[in-house]
Amino acid sequence: MATNQSSSSSLQQVQQTASGTTDPTPAVNAAPALTLYSTTVSDVGYVRSNNQDSSFAGRHFAAICDGMGGHAGGDTASTIAIRSLAHIEHEESSNDIETVSKIMETSVLAAHDAIVGKAKHERRLSGMGTTVVALSLVENHWILAHIGDSRAYLLRDGHLIRATKDHSYVQHLIDTGRITEAEAKNHPQRNVVMRVLGDFDIDPRPDISIRRAKAGDRWLLCSDGLCGVLEDSTLEETLSELTDPEECAQRLVAMALKAGSTDNVTAVIADATVPLSEKPTDENSPVPLVGGAVSASLESIADIIDESVATAPALRADQGSPAQRAAALMQEQKPKNEQTDETASPRVAQPSSQRPETTDVAMPNTGEIPVVQKRDGSASADPHDPEVARAIKTQQREQAQQARKRRSRFRMTIIGIIVAVLLVLGGAGFMAFRWSQTQYYLGEAEGSVAIYQGVPTDLFGFSLSHEVKRTDITVLSLPANWREQLSRGITVGSYAEAETHAQTIRQQAEDLQSQEKPKDEFGGAEQTDQSGQNDQSAQDNQQNQNDSAGASQSPSPSASNTETQQ
């Protein structure tokens, strides 16, 4: 955001104050006690479907919260934050600056815890959060608490001071010199915040600053729907020109809408004034106002601060502006029972001590610090109040007991499921075992054929069969195909069938042995006789051949005589 030179120098002064140094403004002796006059205006705009901003404008305390987290989450988060902080308006120890600053910080942290607790109870609200800018006037000192990218501006002596520093990603880029403030205005991640209250794993502690108040100081607390579209110079000019706080707030919100703001727009104007009387009374002071989403919890806010509360006035901007024409068109398109309360007249709620007993007040369940009805009829949500502290402890004990009951029920459910599964498995196993004991099969037992009762398998390491009879049939005496079947188990329907099958195997084994015995006893002799016969035939044939040869070789008698004579 663009800032003039005086704003930048003043911001450094505020940062020094927030870091623990004292305000350099000199003390004024016998300075009159200043009072806070504040008002607020909040508008949903012409883009959003609901208002997620919440604001409070009282006589001692003012605040604005910009909720985030979807349609249902943002308004809930900002409402919780305002309800957690509203008790500062009537804080009894408001004369102690240090005490109020600690109470303000504690209340912001309590709002954070309440938002986180609410998100845990309702998953649809997961991821909701809110910014906070809270201001209190105590003993002529301003106490400012801030977290998020909503802003607080102080107009003093005609100069505008930006009293807060955005906890946003673009502000980090500006601080590190990576972009300028002019570039930050159109940066695509300008809406990314680094620190907020809510369901996030970030530091929820607010920045606390204290500075001396001066008569004529004017504060502007606003959401980024306003400061994101209007220049600081425009804010300074408007805050200086319009002396009436309500008129100034109306003008700023209308200008933001005309400038094209696409977000909810909320402004709180708080002036430090000198009271006309030395002892001002609350009866003559304006009624505290609430705006935005927290307006739906009007009665509960009245109970918290124990006085009347009214809704903030609706925006009275130029009906001829594009923003107002679009907003009016959207309102006309809605059914009458769905139109927002911004078009209705302001409502006023009385605290429970002043409300008729017949009035039925709906207390919204936002999960924050409980509102305690005290014995004197007043209501309190101050965490430092002993009765509220006891109520918080009681609530925490009840929540812890409910959590233990839920865990116990969950454990019992798991145990019941496990037991049921075990019973089913046990029943199935028992039935399978009973069925298996009606079956029989033949198998091998230490080299012999045996009859088993059951089935040849295991269930979870438990055998479903046992040996009932072992035969004298050796497995090695059987053919290979029988041995292979016995290794797998030959299943039969009954013990009698098993006996019959065993007899069949014995008979086949005996037949096989009887077929092999003749070959062993007589096969060698037959082969010897046959070979002898063959040898004798061979000898006879050889003898005949020899005789024939001899006859052919011996000479005849006549030839011999003739040869002798010669």
Protein backbone atom coordinates (compact mmCIF):
# COMPACT_ATOMS: atom_id res chain seq x y z
CA MET A 1 0.00 0.00 0.00
CA ALA A 2 1.27 3.48 -0.81
CA THR A 3 2.20 5.59 2.22
CA ASN A 4 3.14 9.24 2.50
CA GLN A 5 6.38 10.30 4.14
CA SER A 6 4.83 11.31 7.45
CA SER A 7 3.08 7.94 7.72
CA SER A 8 6.36 6.04 7.29
CA SER A 9 8.20 7.99 9.95
CA SER A 10 5.29 7.67 12.34
CA LEU A 11 5.15 3.92 11.75
CA GLN A 12 8.73 3.60 13.00
CA GLN A 13 7.71 5.45 16.14
CA VAL A 14 4.82 3.05 16.74
CA GLN A 15 7.09 0.03 16.20
CA GLN A 16 9.47 1.35 18.83
CA THR A 17 6.54 1.74 21.19
CA ALA A 18 5.38 -1.82 20.49
CA SER A 19 8.87 -3.18 21.22
CA GLY A 20 8.72 -1.93 24.77
CA THR A 21 10.02 1.66 24.66
CA THR A 22 7.89 4.46 26.06
CA ASP A 23 6.01 6.98 23.97
CA PRO A 24 8.22 10.09 23.56
CA THR A 25 5.19 12.38 23.96
CA PRO A 26 5.84 14.41 27.14
CA ALA A 27 3.44 14.01 30.02
CA VAL A 28 1.05 16.83 30.66
CA ASN A 29 0.39 17.70 34.27
CA ALA A 30 -3.21 17.54 35.36
CA ALA A 31 -4.36 16.36 31.94
CA PRO A 32 -8.12 15.76 31.81
CA ALA A 33 -9.33 12.17 31.62
CA LEU A 34 -10.21 11.37 28.04
CA THR A 35 -13.18 9.31 26.97
CA LEU A 36 -13.69 7.15 23.89
CA TYR A 37 -16.46 7.88 21.43
CA SER A 38 -16.66 5.24 18.70
CA THR A 39 -18.95 4.01 15.98
CA THR A 40 -18.81 1.36 13.29
CA VAL A 41 -20.23 0.60 9.85
CA SER A 42 -19.95 -2.80 8.15
CA ASP A 43 -21.17 -3.78 4.69
CA VAL A 44 -21.18 -7.16 2.96
CA GLY A 45 -20.30 -5.53 -0.38
CA TYR A 46 -21.63 -6.58 -3.74
CA VAL A 47 -19.50 -9.69 -4.36
CA ARG A 48 -19.59 -11.74 -1.16
CA SER A 49 -22.71 -13.66 -0.21
CA ASN A 50 -22.27 -13.14 3.53
CA ASN A 51 -20.45 -10.77 5.88
CA GLN A 52 -17.49 -12.41 7.59
CA ASP A 53 -16.31 -9.21 9.30
CA SER A 54 -17.26 -8.43 12.90
CA SER A 55 -16.80 -5.14 14.75
CA PHE A 56 -17.40 -3.63 18.17
CA ALA A 57 -17.52 0.06 19.11
CA GLY A 58 -17.87 0.89 22.80
CA ARG A 59 -16.97 3.58 25.32
CA HIS A 60 -13.76 1.91 26.49
CA PHE A 61 -13.01 -0.65 23.83
CA ALA A 62 -13.23 -1.00 20.03
CA ALA A 63 -12.26 -3.85 17.74
CA ILE A 64 -12.55 -5.25 14.24
CA CYS A 65 -12.08 -8.87 13.11
CA ASP A 66 -11.90 -10.04 9.50
CA GLY A 67 -12.90 -13.70 9.32
CA MET A 68 -11.73 -16.22 6.75
CA GLY A 69 -12.35 -19.86 6.02
CA GLY A 70 -15.23 -20.25 3.61
CA HIS A 71 -18.92 -19.52 3.75
CA ALA A 72 -19.52 -20.94 7.23
CA GLY A 73 -16.11 -20.48 8.86
CA GLY A 74 -15.16 -16.82 8.57
CA ASP A 75 -18.20 -15.33 10.27
CA THR A 76 -17.97 -17.89 13.08
CA ALA A 77 -14.30 -17.13 13.72
CA SER A 78 -14.77 -13.35 13.81
CA THR A 79 -17.83 -13.72 16.07
CA ILE A 80 -15.86 -15.87 18.51
CA ALA A 81 -13.06 -13.30 18.61
CA ILE A 82 -15.40 -10.37 19.38
CA ARG A 83 -17.22 -12.36 22.04
CA SER A 84 -13.91 -13.30 23.65
CA LEU A 85 -12.74 -9.67 23.71
CA ALA A 86 -15.96 -7.80 24.52
CA HIS A 87 -15.60 -8.16 28.29
CA ILE A 88 -12.77 -5.59 28.18
CA GLU A 89 -15.48 -2.95 27.69
CA HIS A 90 -16.50 -3.22 31.36
CA GLU A 91 -13.21 -4.48 32.82
CA GLU A 92 -13.18 -3.48 36.51
CA SER A 93 -9.40 -3.14 36.59
CA SER A 94 -9.41 -0.78 33.59
CA ASN A 95 -7.43 1.83 35.50
CA ASP A 96 -4.26 -0.27 35.33
CA ILE A 97 -2.55 0.01 31.94
CA GLU A 98 -0.30 -2.99 32.37
CA THR A 99 -3.14 -5.18 33.62
CA VAL A 100 -5.43 -4.28 30.73
CA SER A 101 -2.66 -4.93 28.19
CA LYS A 102 -2.12 -8.39 29.66
CA ILE A 103 -5.86 -9.04 29.74
CA MET A 104 -6.10 -8.01 26.10
CA GLU A 105 -3.32 -10.38 25.09
CA THR A 106 -4.81 -13.19 27.16
CA SER A 107 -8.23 -12.64 25.62
CA VAL A 108 -6.78 -12.81 22.10
CA LEU A 109 -5.10 -16.12 22.93
CA ALA A 110 -8.36 -17.35 24.48
CA ALA A 111 -10.14 -16.47 21.24
CA HIS A 112 -7.55 -18.48 19.34
CA ASP A 113 -8.09 -21.51 21.57
CA ALA A 114 -11.86 -21.17 21.22
CA ILE A 115 -11.64 -21.05 17.42
CA VAL A 116 -9.38 -24.10 17.32
CA GLY A 117 -11.73 -25.96 19.69
CA LYS A 118 -14.75 -25.09 17.59
CA ALA A 119 -13.02 -26.25 14.41
CA LYS A 120 -12.14 -29.59 16.04
CA HIS A 121 -15.75 -30.15 17.11
CA GLU A 122 -17.15 -29.27 13.67
CA ARG A 123 -15.04 -30.49 10.77
CA ARG A 124 -16.91 -28.28 8.31
CA LEU A 125 -15.26 -25.29 10.06
CA SER A 126 -11.76 -26.67 9.67
CA GLY A 127 -9.34 -24.02 8.46
CA MET A 128 -11.31 -21.02 9.73
CA GLY A 129 -9.51 -18.01 11.21
CA THR A 130 -9.71 -14.29 11.79
CA THR A 131 -7.62 -11.17 12.09
CA VAL A 132 -7.88 -8.93 15.16
CA VAL A 133 -7.32 -5.22 15.72
CA ALA A 134 -8.39 -4.21 19.23
CA LEU A 135 -8.08 -0.78 20.87
CA SER A 136 -8.65 0.29 24.47
CA LEU A 137 -8.35 3.68 26.19
CA VAL A 138 -6.94 3.32 29.73
CA GLU A 139 -5.75 6.23 31.87
CA ASN A 140 -5.18 8.42 28.81
CA HIS A 141 -3.15 5.69 27.10
CA TRP A 142 -3.94 3.75 23.97
CA ILE A 143 -3.47 -0.02 24.17
CA LEU A 144 -3.47 -1.62 20.75
CA ALA A 145 -3.49 -5.38 19.99
CA HIS A 146 -3.03 -6.56 16.42
CA ILE A 147 -2.63 -9.76 14.43
CA GLY A 148 -3.27 -10.29 10.72
CA ASP A 149 -3.62 -7.83 7.85
CA SER A 150 -6.44 -5.65 9.19
CA ARG A 151 -5.11 -2.19 10.04
CA ALA A 152 -5.26 0.58 12.60
CA TYR A 153 -4.59 4.19 11.58
CA LEU A 154 -4.11 7.10 13.98
CA LEU A 155 -4.85 10.64 12.86
CA ARG A 156 -2.99 13.01 15.17
CA ASP A 157 -2.47 16.71 14.55
CA GLY A 158 -3.58 16.31 10.94
CA HIS A 159 -1.06 13.57 10.12
CA LEU A 160 -2.00 9.96 9.47
CA ILE A 161 0.00 7.24 11.21
CA ARG A 162 -0.24 3.60 10.19
CA ALA A 163 -0.09 2.11 13.67
CA THR A 164 0.01 -1.57 12.67
CA LYS A 165 2.20 -3.64 10.42
CA ASP A 166 0.55 -6.26 8.24
CA HIS A 167 1.33 -9.86 9.07
CA SER A 168 1.13 -10.77 5.39
CA TYR A 169 3.33 -12.31 2.75
CA VAL A 170 3.54 -9.13 0.65
CA GLN A 171 4.59 -7.15 3.74
CA HIS A 172 7.40 -9.66 4.20
CA LEU A 173 8.43 -9.09 0.59
CA ILE A 174 8.38 -5.33 1.20
CA ASP A 175 10.47 -5.66 4.36
CA THR A 176 13.07 -7.75 2.53
CA GLY A 177 13.20 -5.26 -0.35
CA ARG A 178 11.92 -7.66 -2.96
CA ILE A 179 8.92 -5.54 -3.97
CA THR A 180 7.69 -2.01 -3.39
CA GLU A 181 4.46 -0.97 -1.70
CA ALA A 182 3.06 0.02 -5.09
CA GLU A 183 3.78 -3.47 -6.44
CA ALA A 184 2.22 -5.04 -3.34
CA LYS A 185 -1.17 -3.53 -4.19
CA ASN A 186 -1.52 -5.78 -7.26
CA HIS A 187 0.57 -8.73 -6.09
CA PRO A 188 -1.20 -12.08 -6.77
CA GLN A 189 -0.54 -13.20 -3.17
CA ARG A 190 -1.56 -9.99 -1.45
CA ASN A 191 -4.29 -11.81 0.49
CA VAL A 192 -1.95 -14.39 2.02
CA VAL A 193 -1.57 -13.74 5.75
CA MET A 194 1.29 -15.09 7.84
CA ARG A 195 -0.27 -14.75 11.29
CA VAL A 196 -3.94 -14.98 12.26
CA LEU A 197 -6.09 -16.52 14.97
CA GLY A 198 -7.52 -19.86 14.03
CA ASP A 199 -7.06 -23.45 13.02
CA PHE A 200 -3.48 -22.99 11.80
CA ASP A 201 -0.07 -24.00 13.11
CA ILE A 202 1.17 -20.43 13.57
CA ASP A 203 1.99 -18.10 16.44
CA PRO A 204 -1.29 -16.59 17.74
CA ARG A 205 0.29 -14.01 20.05
CA PRO A 206 -0.71 -10.47 19.05
CA ASP A 207 1.49 -7.43 18.76
CA ILE A 208 0.80 -5.15 21.75
CA SER A 209 1.67 -1.45 21.65
CA ILE A 210 1.02 1.31 24.18
CA ARG A 211 1.14 5.06 23.54
CA ARG A 212 -0.06 8.15 25.34
CA ALA A 213 -3.40 9.48 24.16
CA LYS A 214 -4.07 13.08 23.20
CA ALA A 215 -7.33 14.93 22.94
CA GLY A 216 -8.40 14.96 19.31
CA ASP A 217 -6.81 11.61 18.43
CA ARG A 218 -8.88 9.76 15.85
CA TRP A 219 -8.47 6.06 15.15
CA LEU A 220 -9.57 4.12 12.10
CA LEU A 221 -9.77 0.36 12.48
CA CYS A 222 -10.59 -1.31 9.17
CA SER A 223 -10.53 -4.59 7.29
CA ASP A 224 -8.46 -5.05 4.15
CA GLY A 225 -11.62 -4.58 2.11
CA LEU A 226 -11.21 -0.87 2.87
CA CYS A 227 -7.48 -0.21 3.21
CA GLY A 228 -6.73 -2.54 0.30
CA VAL A 229 -8.39 -0.20 -2.22
CA LEU A 230 -8.02 3.29 -0.69
CA GLU A 231 -4.74 5.17 -0.55
CA ASP A 232 -3.43 6.41 2.78
CA SER A 233 -3.66 9.94 1.47
CA THR A 234 -7.38 9.43 0.81
CA LEU A 235 -7.86 8.08 4.31
CA GLU A 236 -6.02 11.05 5.81
CA GLU A 237 -8.10 13.54 3.88
CA THR A 238 -11.42 11.90 4.77
CA LEU A 239 -10.57 11.47 8.45
CA SER A 240 -9.53 15.12 8.66
CA GLU A 241 -12.47 16.65 6.80
CA LEU A 242 -15.41 14.78 8.40
CA THR A 243 -15.63 15.50 12.11
CA ASP A 244 -18.70 13.37 12.74
CA PRO A 245 -17.50 9.78 13.41
CA GLU A 246 -20.53 8.07 11.91
CA GLU A 247 -20.50 10.21 8.80
CA CYS A 248 -16.79 9.54 8.41
CA ALA A 249 -17.29 5.76 8.69
CA GLN A 250 -20.17 5.88 6.20
CA ARG A 251 -18.06 7.84 3.72
CA LEU A 252 -15.04 5.52 3.97
CA VAL A 253 -17.07 2.34 3.45
CA ALA A 254 -18.92 3.87 0.51
CA MET A 255 -15.68 5.05 -1.07
CA ALA A 256 -14.16 1.58 -0.77
CA LEU A 257 -17.14 0.03 -2.54
CA LYS A 258 -16.99 2.65 -5.28
CA ALA A 259 -13.27 1.95 -5.69
CA GLY A 260 -14.10 -1.65 -6.56
CA SER A 261 -13.59 -3.55 -3.32
CA THR A 262 -14.57 -7.19 -3.75
CA ASP A 263 -14.48 -8.02 -0.04
CA ASN A 264 -16.56 -7.19 3.01
CA VAL A 265 -15.87 -3.61 4.08
CA THR A 266 -15.84 -2.59 7.75
CA ALA A 267 -14.67 0.56 9.50
CA VAL A 268 -14.53 1.61 13.15
CA ILE A 269 -13.96 5.30 14.01
CA ALA A 270 -12.82 5.98 17.59
CA ASP A 271 -12.22 9.53 18.89
CA ALA A 272 -10.53 10.62 22.10
CA THR A 273 -12.64 13.43 23.52
CA VAL A 274 -12.72 15.51 26.67
CA PRO A 275 -15.97 14.91 28.58
CA LEU A 276 -18.22 17.90 29.13
CA SER A 277 -18.74 16.98 32.78
CA GLU A 278 -16.06 16.05 35.28
CA LYS A 279 -17.86 12.82 36.16
CA PRO A 280 -19.36 11.40 33.01
CA THR A 281 -21.92 8.65 33.50
CA ASP A 282 -22.58 5.67 31.30
CA GLU A 283 -26.26 6.55 31.16
CA ASN A 284 -25.46 9.68 29.11
CA SER A 285 -22.99 7.85 26.82
CA PRO A 286 -23.83 6.26 23.49
CA VAL A 287 -24.85 2.61 23.43
CA PRO A 288 -22.07 0.24 22.27
CA LEU A 289 -22.48 -0.92 18.68
CA VAL A 290 -21.70 -4.22 16.97
CA GLY A 291 -21.50 -4.74 13.23
CA GLY A 292 -21.12 -7.55 10.74
CA ALA A 293 -21.44 -11.23 11.61
CA VAL A 294 -21.43 -10.71 15.38
CA SER A 295 -24.74 -8.84 15.07
CA ALA A 296 -26.42 -12.25 15.13
CA SER A 297 -25.13 -12.67 18.72
CA LEU A 298 -26.47 -9.35 19.96
CA GLU A 299 -28.06 -10.67 23.17
CA SER A 300 -24.98 -12.66 24.16
CA ILE A 301 -22.79 -9.57 23.71
CA ALA A 302 -25.19 -7.62 25.92
CA ASP A 303 -24.82 -10.32 28.58
CA ILE A 304 -21.03 -10.26 28.33
CA ILE A 305 -20.70 -6.50 28.85
CA ASP A 306 -23.83 -6.37 31.06
CA GLU A 307 -25.41 -3.41 29.29
CA SER A 308 -27.49 -2.58 26.27
CA VAL A 309 -26.01 -3.17 22.82
CA ALA A 310 -27.27 -2.06 19.41
CA THR A 311 -26.51 -3.13 15.88
CA ALA A 312 -24.45 -0.75 13.79
CA PRO A 313 -26.29 1.53 11.35
CA ALA A 314 -26.59 0.25 7.80
CA LEU A 315 -24.60 1.83 5.02
CA ARG A 316 -26.22 4.98 3.68
CA ALA A 317 -24.06 5.43 0.62
CA ASP A 318 -25.12 6.92 -2.72
CA GLN A 319 -27.71 4.59 -4.17
CA GLY A 320 -26.61 5.63 -7.63
CA SER A 321 -23.14 4.08 -7.31
CA PRO A 322 -22.44 0.83 -9.18
CA ALA A 323 -21.76 -0.97 -5.93
CA GLN A 324 -25.03 0.03 -4.35
CA ARG A 325 -27.02 -0.77 -7.48
CA ALA A 326 -25.48 -4.25 -7.58
CA ALA A 327 -26.12 -4.75 -3.87
CA ALA A 328 -29.71 -3.57 -4.20
CA LEU A 329 -30.25 -5.90 -7.16
CA MET A 330 -28.92 -8.85 -5.17
CA GLN A 331 -31.20 -8.01 -2.25
CA GLU A 332 -34.22 -7.78 -4.56
CA GLN A 333 -33.46 -11.20 -6.02
CA LYS A 334 -33.43 -12.79 -2.56
CA PRO A 335 -36.64 -13.88 -0.83
CA LYS A 336 -37.74 -11.58 1.92
CA ASN A 337 -36.95 -14.11 4.62
CA GLU A 338 -33.37 -14.44 3.30
CA GLN A 339 -32.52 -10.76 3.03
CA THR A 340 -29.76 -9.59 5.32
CA ASP A 341 -30.39 -7.58 8.43
CA GLU A 342 -28.38 -4.69 7.02
CA THR A 343 -31.50 -3.33 5.32
CA ALA A 344 -33.49 -3.49 8.55
CA SER A 345 -33.53 -0.88 11.28
CA PRO A 346 -30.95 -1.20 14.09
CA ARG A 347 -31.84 -3.57 16.91
CA VAL A 348 -31.15 -3.04 20.59
CA ALA A 349 -30.62 -5.90 23.05
CA GLN A 350 -30.77 -5.66 26.83
CA PRO A 351 -28.61 -7.76 29.16
CA SER A 352 -30.23 -10.70 30.89
CA SER A 353 -30.49 -8.77 34.15
CA GLN A 354 -32.80 -6.27 32.43
CA ARG A 355 -34.62 -8.54 30.01
CA PRO A 356 -38.08 -9.84 30.88
CA GLU A 357 -38.02 -13.40 32.15
CA THR A 358 -40.28 -14.46 29.28
CA THR A 359 -37.68 -13.46 26.72
CA ASP A 360 -36.16 -16.52 25.13
CA VAL A 361 -32.60 -15.76 24.10
CA ALA A 362 -30.79 -18.18 21.87
CA MET A 363 -27.19 -18.57 22.97
CA PRO A 364 -25.12 -19.47 19.92
CA ASN A 365 -22.76 -22.36 20.37
CA THR A 366 -19.48 -20.87 19.25
CA GLY A 367 -17.26 -22.88 21.57
CA GLU A 368 -15.56 -19.87 23.19
CA ILE A 369 -15.30 -18.72 26.82
CA PRO A 370 -18.64 -19.45 28.54
CA VAL A 371 -20.93 -16.64 29.59
CA VAL A 372 -21.58 -17.06 33.33
CA GLN A 373 -24.74 -15.80 34.99
CA LYS A 374 -23.55 -14.42 38.34
CA ARG A 375 -25.51 -14.36 41.58
CA ASP A 376 -26.20 -10.64 41.31
CA GLY A 377 -27.94 -11.21 37.97
CA SER A 378 -25.11 -9.91 35.80
CA ALA A 379 -23.33 -11.95 33.13
CA SER A 380 -19.59 -12.22 32.69
CA ALA A 381 -17.19 -13.84 30.20
CA ASP A 382 -14.00 -12.46 31.75
CA PRO A 383 -11.52 -15.36 32.08
CA HIS A 384 -10.03 -13.60 35.13
CA ASP A 385 -13.37 -13.71 36.96
CA PRO A 386 -13.27 -16.58 39.53
CA GLU A 387 -16.75 -17.76 38.59
CA VAL A 388 -15.86 -17.74 34.89
CA ALA A 389 -12.60 -19.54 35.65
CA ARG A 390 -14.54 -22.21 37.55
CA ALA A 391 -17.00 -22.49 34.67
CA ILE A 392 -14.11 -22.90 32.23
CA LYS A 393 -12.59 -25.67 34.38
CA THR A 394 -15.99 -27.36 34.68
CA GLN A 395 -16.45 -27.15 30.94
CA GLN A 396 -12.97 -28.56 30.36
CA ARG A 397 -13.67 -31.44 32.76
CA GLU A 398 -16.93 -32.21 31.01
CA GLN A 399 -15.22 -32.10 27.64
CA ALA A 400 -12.46 -34.38 28.94
CA GLN A 401 -15.06 -36.80 30.31
CA GLN A 402 -16.91 -36.79 27.01
CA ALA A 403 -13.63 -37.38 25.19
CA ARG A 404 -12.84 -40.30 27.50
CA LYS A 405 -16.32 -41.72 26.94
CA ARG A 406 -15.88 -41.40 23.19
CA ARG A 407 -12.50 -43.13 23.38
CA SER A 408 -13.96 -45.84 25.63
CA ARG A 409 -16.87 -46.40 23.25
CA PHE A 410 -14.45 -46.54 20.35
CA ARG A 411 -12.26 -49.09 22.13
CA MET A 412 -15.27 -51.20 23.10
CA THR A 413 -16.51 -51.08 19.51
CA ILE A 414 -13.13 -52.22 18.22
CA ILE A 415 -12.96 -54.98 20.83
CA GLY A 416 -16.51 -56.08 19.94
CA ILE A 417 -15.61 -56.22 16.26
CA ILE A 418 -12.46 -58.22 16.99
CA VAL A 419 -14.38 -60.64 19.22
CA ALA A 420 -17.10 -61.04 16.57
CA VAL A 421 -14.49 -61.74 13.89
CA LEU A 422 -12.75 -64.26 16.14
CA LEU A 423 -16.06 -65.97 16.90
CA VAL A 424 -16.88 -66.16 13.21
CA LEU A 425 -13.45 -67.53 12.40
CA GLY A 426 -13.61 -69.93 15.33
CA GLY A 427 -17.06 -71.16 14.30
CA ALA A 428 -15.95 -71.58 10.73
CA GLY A 429 -12.84 -73.41 11.86
CA PHE A 430 -14.86 -75.69 14.16
CA MET A 431 -17.34 -76.54 11.41
CA ALA A 432 -14.50 -77.18 8.98
CA PHE A 433 -12.84 -79.48 11.52
CA ARG A 434 -16.06 -81.39 12.17
CA TRP A 435 -16.58 -81.89 8.46
CA SER A 436 -12.98 -82.97 7.99
CA GLN A 437 -13.39 -85.70 10.60
CA THR A 438 -16.03 -87.36 8.42
CA GLN A 439 -13.47 -87.82 5.66
CA TYR A 440 -10.76 -90.48 5.24
CA TYR A 441 -7.77 -90.88 2.99
CA LEU A 442 -4.82 -93.21 2.43
CA GLY A 443 -1.35 -91.86 2.85
CA GLU A 444 2.19 -92.73 3.82
CA ALA A 445 3.37 -93.24 7.41
CA GLU A 446 7.00 -94.15 8.01
CA GLY A 447 7.28 -96.05 4.73
CA SER A 448 3.98 -97.91 5.04
CA VAL A 449 0.51 -97.33 3.70
CA ALA A 450 -1.77 -95.92 6.43
CA ILE A 451 -5.41 -94.90 6.77
CA TYR A 452 -6.04 -91.33 8.03
CA GLN A 453 -9.20 -89.73 9.35
CA GLY A 454 -9.61 -86.14 8.10
CA VAL A 455 -8.31 -84.29 5.06
CA PRO A 456 -4.69 -84.01 3.96
CA THR A 457 -4.21 -80.30 4.80
CA ASP A 458 -3.47 -77.86 7.63
CA LEU A 459 -5.46 -74.90 8.94
CA PHE A 460 -3.36 -72.13 10.56
CA GLY A 461 -0.70 -74.72 11.30
CA PHE A 462 -3.21 -77.17 12.83
CA SER A 463 -3.42 -80.57 11.13
CA LEU A 464 -6.92 -81.63 10.13
CA SER A 465 -6.14 -85.37 10.06
CA HIS A 466 -4.76 -88.16 12.24
CA GLU A 467 -3.68 -91.76 11.63
CA VAL A 468 -6.22 -94.47 12.49
CA LYS A 469 -4.62 -97.61 11.04
CA ARG A 470 -1.27 -98.57 9.58
CA THR A 471 -1.10 -101.47 7.09
CA ASP A 472 1.78 -103.86 6.37
CA ILE A 473 2.01 -102.62 2.80
CA THR A 474 5.39 -101.02 2.17
CA VAL A 475 5.43 -98.01 -0.08
CA LEU A 476 8.64 -99.08 -1.82
CA SER A 477 6.94 -102.23 -3.05
CA LEU A 478 4.42 -100.19 -5.00
CA PRO A 479 4.75 -98.72 -8.49
CA ALA A 480 5.76 -95.11 -8.90
CA ASN A 481 2.25 -93.94 -9.74
CA TRP A 482 0.88 -95.42 -6.50
CA ARG A 483 3.65 -93.81 -4.46
CA GLU A 484 2.90 -90.43 -6.02
CA GLN A 485 -0.84 -90.71 -5.21
CA LEU A 486 -0.10 -91.74 -1.63
CA SER A 487 2.17 -88.71 -1.16
CA ARG A 488 -0.78 -86.45 -2.06
CA GLY A 489 -3.35 -88.55 -0.21
CA ILE A 490 -5.97 -90.81 -1.77
CA THR A 491 -9.29 -89.41 -0.53
CA VAL A 492 -12.23 -91.72 0.12
CA GLY A 493 -15.69 -91.20 1.58
CA SER A 494 -15.60 -93.52 4.61
CA TYR A 495 -13.44 -95.83 6.67
CA ALA A 496 -14.90 -98.89 4.92
CA GLU A 497 -13.94 -97.47 1.55
CA ALA A 498 -10.47 -96.82 2.91
CA GLU A 499 -10.17 -100.48 4.01
CA THR A 500 -11.38 -101.66 0.61
CA HIS A 501 -8.94 -99.38 -1.17
CA ALA A 502 -6.11 -100.62 1.02
CA GLN A 503 -6.98 -104.22 0.13
CA THR A 504 -6.97 -103.29 -3.55
CA ILE A 505 -3.48 -101.80 -3.17
CA ARG A 506 -2.30 -104.93 -1.25
CA GLN A 507 -3.69 -107.26 -3.93
CA GLN A 508 -2.04 -105.29 -6.72
CA ALA A 509 1.22 -105.28 -4.81
CA GLU A 510 1.04 -109.08 -4.35
CA ASP A 511 0.19 -109.63 -8.03
CA LEU A 512 3.14 -107.51 -9.01
CA GLN A 513 5.45 -109.55 -6.78
CA SER A 514 4.14 -112.88 -8.13
CA GLN A 515 4.76 -111.75 -11.68
CA GLU A 516 8.34 -110.86 -10.93
CA LYS A 517 9.22 -114.19 -9.01
CA PRO A 518 9.27 -116.72 -12.02
CA LYS A 519 11.71 -114.60 -13.91
CA ASP A 520 14.12 -114.72 -11.03
CA GLU A 521 13.92 -118.58 -10.46
CA PHE A 522 13.65 -120.08 -13.97
CA GLY A 523 14.78 -117.58 -16.45
CA GLY A 524 18.54 -118.48 -16.06
CA ALA A 525 18.12 -122.33 -16.51
CA GLU A 526 16.02 -121.98 -19.62
CA GLN A 527 18.57 -119.67 -21.09
CA THR A 528 21.39 -122.22 -20.26
CA ASP A 529 19.54 -125.16 -21.91
CA GLN A 530 18.73 -123.11 -24.90
CA SER A 531 22.35 -122.04 -25.26
CA GLY A 532 23.49 -125.68 -24.84
CA GLN A 533 21.19 -126.81 -27.55
CA ASN A 534 22.46 -124.06 -29.75
CA ASP A 535 26.07 -125.07 -29.06
CA GLN A 536 25.33 -128.77 -29.85
CA SER A 537 23.68 -127.86 -33.12
CA ALA A 538 26.64 -125.78 -34.02
CA GLN A 539 29.02 -128.70 -33.25
CA ASP A 540 26.98 -131.12 -35.37
CA ASN A 541 26.95 -128.76 -38.28
CA GLN A 542 30.69 -128.28 -38.00
CA GLN A 543 31.28 -132.08 -37.94
CA ASN A 544 29.26 -132.64 -41.06
CA GLN A 545 31.16 -129.93 -42.83
CA ASN A 546 34.47 -131.53 -41.82
CA ASP A 547 33.38 -134.98 -43.07
CA SER A 548 32.39 -133.59 -46.38
CA ALA A 549 35.66 -131.87 -46.77
CA GLY A 550 37.65 -135.03 -45.94
CA ALA A 551 35.80 -137.09 -48.47
CA SER A 552 36.51 -134.67 -51.19
CA GLN A 553 40.21 -134.47 -50.41
CA SER A 554 41.10 -138.31 -50.14
CA PRO A 555 42.17 -139.98 -53.59
CA SER A 556 40.22 -142.74 -55.16
CA PRO A 557 41.70 -146.40 -55.08
CA SER A 558 42.06 -146.62 -58.86
CA ALA A 559 43.92 -143.43 -59.13
CA SER A 560 46.19 -144.50 -56.41
CA ASN A 561 47.00 -147.83 -58.06
CA THR A 562 47.67 -146.20 -61.39
CA GLU A 563 50.01 -143.72 -59.86
CA THR A 564 51.89 -146.55 -58.11
CA GLN A 565 52.32 -148.48 -61.22
CA GLN A 566 53.78 -145.62 -63.08
